[in-house]
Amino acid sequence: MIKTPDWYKETPCKGRDRLFFSSDKVDRTTAKKICANECQHVDDCLMMAVSNELIIGVWGGKTGPEIERMVNAA
């Protein structure tokens, strides 16, 4: 189980699971734009996702498959 980081309470994705965990390409693109344009914790989020191998959803502006490639490249 991953502990929710303190910075999460200040993120624009909080409460938007339907968008950030959607299988719809348009939703994923929208989620990535929110990360890039609205989130001050995008780098922290991506680091958390890679280090914990979170490959489902959008984390730190990357989709699960993009994160999985980063994990496998490390």
N, C-alpha and C. Protein backbone atom coordinates (compact mmCIF):
# COMPACT_ATOMS: atom_id res chain seq x y z
N MET A 1 0.85 -1.18 0.00
CA MET A 1 0.00 0.00 0.00
C MET A 1 0.89 1.24 0.00
N ILE A 2 0.55 2.18 -0.85
CA ILE A 2 1.32 3.42 -0.98
C ILE A 2 0.64 4.49 -0.13
N LYS A 3 1.42 5.15 0.70
CA LYS A 3 0.90 6.24 1.53
C LYS A 3 0.65 7.45 0.63
N THR A 4 -0.50 8.07 0.78
CA THR A 4 -0.82 9.27 0.01
C THR A 4 0.09 10.40 0.45
N PRO A 5 0.84 10.98 -0.48
CA PRO A 5 1.75 12.07 -0.11
C PRO A 5 0.98 13.33 0.33
N ASP A 6 1.60 14.10 1.18
CA ASP A 6 0.98 15.34 1.67
C ASP A 6 0.64 16.30 0.54
N TRP A 7 1.48 16.34 -0.49
CA TRP A 7 1.25 17.29 -1.57
C TRP A 7 0.00 16.97 -2.40
N TYR A 8 -0.51 15.74 -2.30
CA TYR A 8 -1.67 15.33 -3.11
C TYR A 8 -2.89 16.21 -2.84
N LYS A 9 -3.05 16.67 -1.60
CA LYS A 9 -4.24 17.46 -1.27
C LYS A 9 -4.31 18.78 -2.04
N GLU A 10 -3.20 19.17 -2.64
CA GLU A 10 -3.14 20.44 -3.38
C GLU A 10 -3.14 20.24 -4.90
N THR A 11 -3.46 19.06 -5.37
CA THR A 11 -3.36 18.78 -6.81
C THR A 11 -4.70 18.93 -7.53
N PRO A 12 -4.66 19.32 -8.81
CA PRO A 12 -5.89 19.47 -9.58
C PRO A 12 -6.54 18.14 -9.97
N CYS A 13 -5.85 17.03 -9.75
CA CYS A 13 -6.42 15.73 -10.10
C CYS A 13 -7.26 15.14 -8.96
N LYS A 14 -7.11 15.66 -7.78
CA LYS A 14 -7.82 15.12 -6.62
C LYS A 14 -9.32 15.13 -6.87
N GLY A 15 -9.94 13.98 -6.70
CA GLY A 15 -11.38 13.84 -6.91
C GLY A 15 -11.78 13.66 -8.37
N ARG A 16 -10.80 13.47 -9.25
CA ARG A 16 -11.11 13.35 -10.67
C ARG A 16 -10.67 11.98 -11.20
N ASP A 17 -10.84 10.96 -10.40
CA ASP A 17 -10.41 9.61 -10.78
C ASP A 17 -11.00 9.16 -12.11
N ARG A 18 -12.24 9.51 -12.36
CA ARG A 18 -12.90 9.09 -13.60
C ARG A 18 -12.13 9.59 -14.83
N LEU A 19 -11.55 10.76 -14.73
CA LEU A 19 -10.78 11.32 -15.84
C LEU A 19 -9.38 10.72 -15.89
N PHE A 20 -8.72 10.63 -14.75
CA PHE A 20 -7.32 10.20 -14.71
C PHE A 20 -7.14 8.69 -14.83
N PHE A 21 -8.22 7.93 -14.69
CA PHE A 21 -8.14 6.48 -14.84
C PHE A 21 -9.05 5.97 -15.95
N SER A 22 -9.37 6.84 -16.88
CA SER A 22 -10.23 6.50 -18.01
C SER A 22 -9.44 5.73 -19.08
N SER A 23 -10.14 4.89 -19.80
CA SER A 23 -9.51 4.20 -20.94
C SER A 23 -9.71 5.00 -22.24
N ASP A 24 -10.45 6.09 -22.16
CA ASP A 24 -10.71 6.93 -23.32
C ASP A 24 -9.50 7.83 -23.63
N LYS A 25 -9.07 7.81 -24.87
CA LYS A 25 -7.89 8.58 -25.27
C LYS A 25 -8.07 10.08 -25.04
N VAL A 26 -9.25 10.61 -25.30
CA VAL A 26 -9.51 12.04 -25.09
C VAL A 26 -9.37 12.38 -23.61
N ASP A 27 -9.91 11.53 -22.73
CA ASP A 27 -9.78 11.76 -21.29
C ASP A 27 -8.32 11.73 -20.86
N ARG A 28 -7.56 10.78 -21.36
CA ARG A 28 -6.14 10.69 -20.99
C ARG A 28 -5.38 11.94 -21.46
N THR A 29 -5.69 12.40 -22.65
CA THR A 29 -5.06 13.60 -23.17
C THR A 29 -5.42 14.81 -22.32
N THR A 30 -6.67 14.91 -21.92
CA THR A 30 -7.10 16.00 -21.05
C THR A 30 -6.39 15.92 -19.70
N ALA A 31 -6.29 14.73 -19.14
CA ALA A 31 -5.60 14.54 -17.86
C ALA A 31 -4.14 14.97 -17.96
N LYS A 32 -3.48 14.58 -19.04
CA LYS A 32 -2.08 14.96 -19.23
C LYS A 32 -1.92 16.48 -19.32
N LYS A 33 -2.86 17.15 -19.97
CA LYS A 33 -2.82 18.61 -20.08
C LYS A 33 -3.01 19.26 -18.72
N ILE A 34 -3.88 18.69 -17.91
CA ILE A 34 -4.08 19.22 -16.55
C ILE A 34 -2.78 19.11 -15.77
N CYS A 35 -2.13 17.96 -15.87
CA CYS A 35 -0.84 17.78 -15.19
C CYS A 35 0.16 18.84 -15.64
N ALA A 36 0.29 19.00 -16.93
CA ALA A 36 1.30 19.90 -17.49
C ALA A 36 1.01 21.37 -17.21
N ASN A 37 -0.26 21.75 -17.20
CA ASN A 37 -0.60 23.17 -17.12
C ASN A 37 -1.08 23.64 -15.75
N GLU A 38 -1.51 22.72 -14.90
CA GLU A 38 -2.14 23.15 -13.66
C GLU A 38 -1.48 22.61 -12.39
N CYS A 39 -0.62 21.62 -12.51
CA CYS A 39 -0.13 20.94 -11.31
C CYS A 39 1.30 21.36 -10.96
N GLN A 40 1.48 21.82 -9.76
CA GLN A 40 2.82 22.19 -9.30
C GLN A 40 3.59 20.99 -8.77
N HIS A 41 2.95 19.83 -8.70
CA HIS A 41 3.61 18.63 -8.17
C HIS A 41 3.81 17.55 -9.24
N VAL A 42 3.79 17.95 -10.49
CA VAL A 42 3.87 17.00 -11.60
C VAL A 42 5.15 16.14 -11.52
N ASP A 43 6.27 16.74 -11.18
CA ASP A 43 7.52 15.98 -11.10
C ASP A 43 7.51 15.00 -9.92
N ASP A 44 6.99 15.45 -8.77
CA ASP A 44 6.88 14.56 -7.60
C ASP A 44 5.98 13.38 -7.92
N CYS A 45 4.89 13.66 -8.60
CA CYS A 45 3.92 12.62 -8.96
C CYS A 45 4.54 11.59 -9.89
N LEU A 46 5.26 12.07 -10.89
CA LEU A 46 5.89 11.14 -11.84
C LEU A 46 6.94 10.29 -11.14
N MET A 47 7.74 10.90 -10.28
CA MET A 47 8.75 10.14 -9.54
C MET A 47 8.09 9.06 -8.68
N MET A 48 6.98 9.41 -8.02
CA MET A 48 6.26 8.45 -7.19
C MET A 48 5.73 7.30 -8.05
N ALA A 49 5.18 7.63 -9.21
CA ALA A 49 4.61 6.61 -10.09
C ALA A 49 5.68 5.66 -10.60
N VAL A 50 6.82 6.19 -11.00
CA VAL A 50 7.90 5.34 -11.51
C VAL A 50 8.47 4.47 -10.39
N SER A 51 8.72 5.06 -9.24
CA SER A 51 9.34 4.29 -8.15
C SER A 51 8.41 3.23 -7.59
N ASN A 52 7.09 3.42 -7.73
CA ASN A 52 6.13 2.44 -7.24
C ASN A 52 5.48 1.63 -8.36
N GLU A 53 5.98 1.83 -9.59
CA GLU A 53 5.49 1.11 -10.77
C GLU A 53 3.97 1.22 -10.93
N LEU A 54 3.47 2.44 -10.83
CA LEU A 54 2.05 2.70 -11.01
C LEU A 54 1.78 2.84 -12.50
N ILE A 55 1.33 1.76 -13.11
CA ILE A 55 1.20 1.73 -14.56
C ILE A 55 -0.25 1.77 -15.04
N ILE A 56 -1.14 2.13 -14.16
CA ILE A 56 -2.55 2.32 -14.53
C ILE A 56 -2.92 3.75 -14.21
N GLY A 57 -3.46 4.45 -15.18
CA GLY A 57 -3.86 5.83 -14.98
C GLY A 57 -2.84 6.82 -15.51
N VAL A 58 -3.11 8.08 -15.27
CA VAL A 58 -2.19 9.16 -15.65
C VAL A 58 -1.57 9.69 -14.37
N TRP A 59 -0.25 9.70 -14.33
CA TRP A 59 0.52 10.16 -13.17
C TRP A 59 1.63 11.07 -13.67
N GLY A 60 1.73 12.24 -13.12
CA GLY A 60 2.82 13.14 -13.50
C GLY A 60 2.86 13.46 -14.98
N GLY A 61 1.70 13.49 -15.60
CA GLY A 61 1.63 13.82 -17.02
C GLY A 61 1.97 12.68 -17.97
N LYS A 62 2.08 11.48 -17.44
CA LYS A 62 2.39 10.30 -18.27
C LYS A 62 1.31 9.24 -18.08
N THR A 63 1.03 8.51 -19.15
CA THR A 63 0.08 7.41 -19.07
C THR A 63 0.77 6.17 -18.50
N GLY A 64 -0.04 5.20 -18.11
CA GLY A 64 0.50 3.95 -17.58
C GLY A 64 1.53 3.31 -18.50
N PRO A 65 1.25 3.15 -19.80
CA PRO A 65 2.24 2.56 -20.69
C PRO A 65 3.54 3.37 -20.77
N GLU A 66 3.43 4.70 -20.73
CA GLU A 66 4.63 5.54 -20.75
C GLU A 66 5.45 5.32 -19.47
N ILE A 67 4.76 5.21 -18.34
CA ILE A 67 5.46 4.96 -17.08
C ILE A 67 6.09 3.58 -17.08
N GLU A 68 5.36 2.61 -17.61
CA GLU A 68 5.91 1.24 -17.68
C GLU A 68 7.20 1.21 -18.50
N ARG A 69 7.24 1.95 -19.61
CA ARG A 69 8.47 2.02 -20.41
C ARG A 69 9.60 2.65 -19.60
N MET A 70 9.28 3.66 -18.81
CA MET A 70 10.31 4.30 -17.97
C MET A 70 10.83 3.32 -16.93
N VAL A 71 9.93 2.56 -16.31
CA VAL A 71 10.33 1.57 -15.31
C VAL A 71 11.23 0.51 -15.93
N ASN A 72 10.83 0.03 -17.10
CA ASN A 72 11.60 -1.01 -17.77
C ASN A 72 12.96 -0.52 -18.27
N ALA A 73 13.07 0.78 -18.55
CA ALA A 73 14.32 1.35 -19.04
C ALA A 73 15.33 1.58 -17.91
N ALA A 74 14.83 1.62 -16.70
CA ALA A 74 15.72 1.90 -15.54
C ALA A 74 16.57 0.70 -15.18
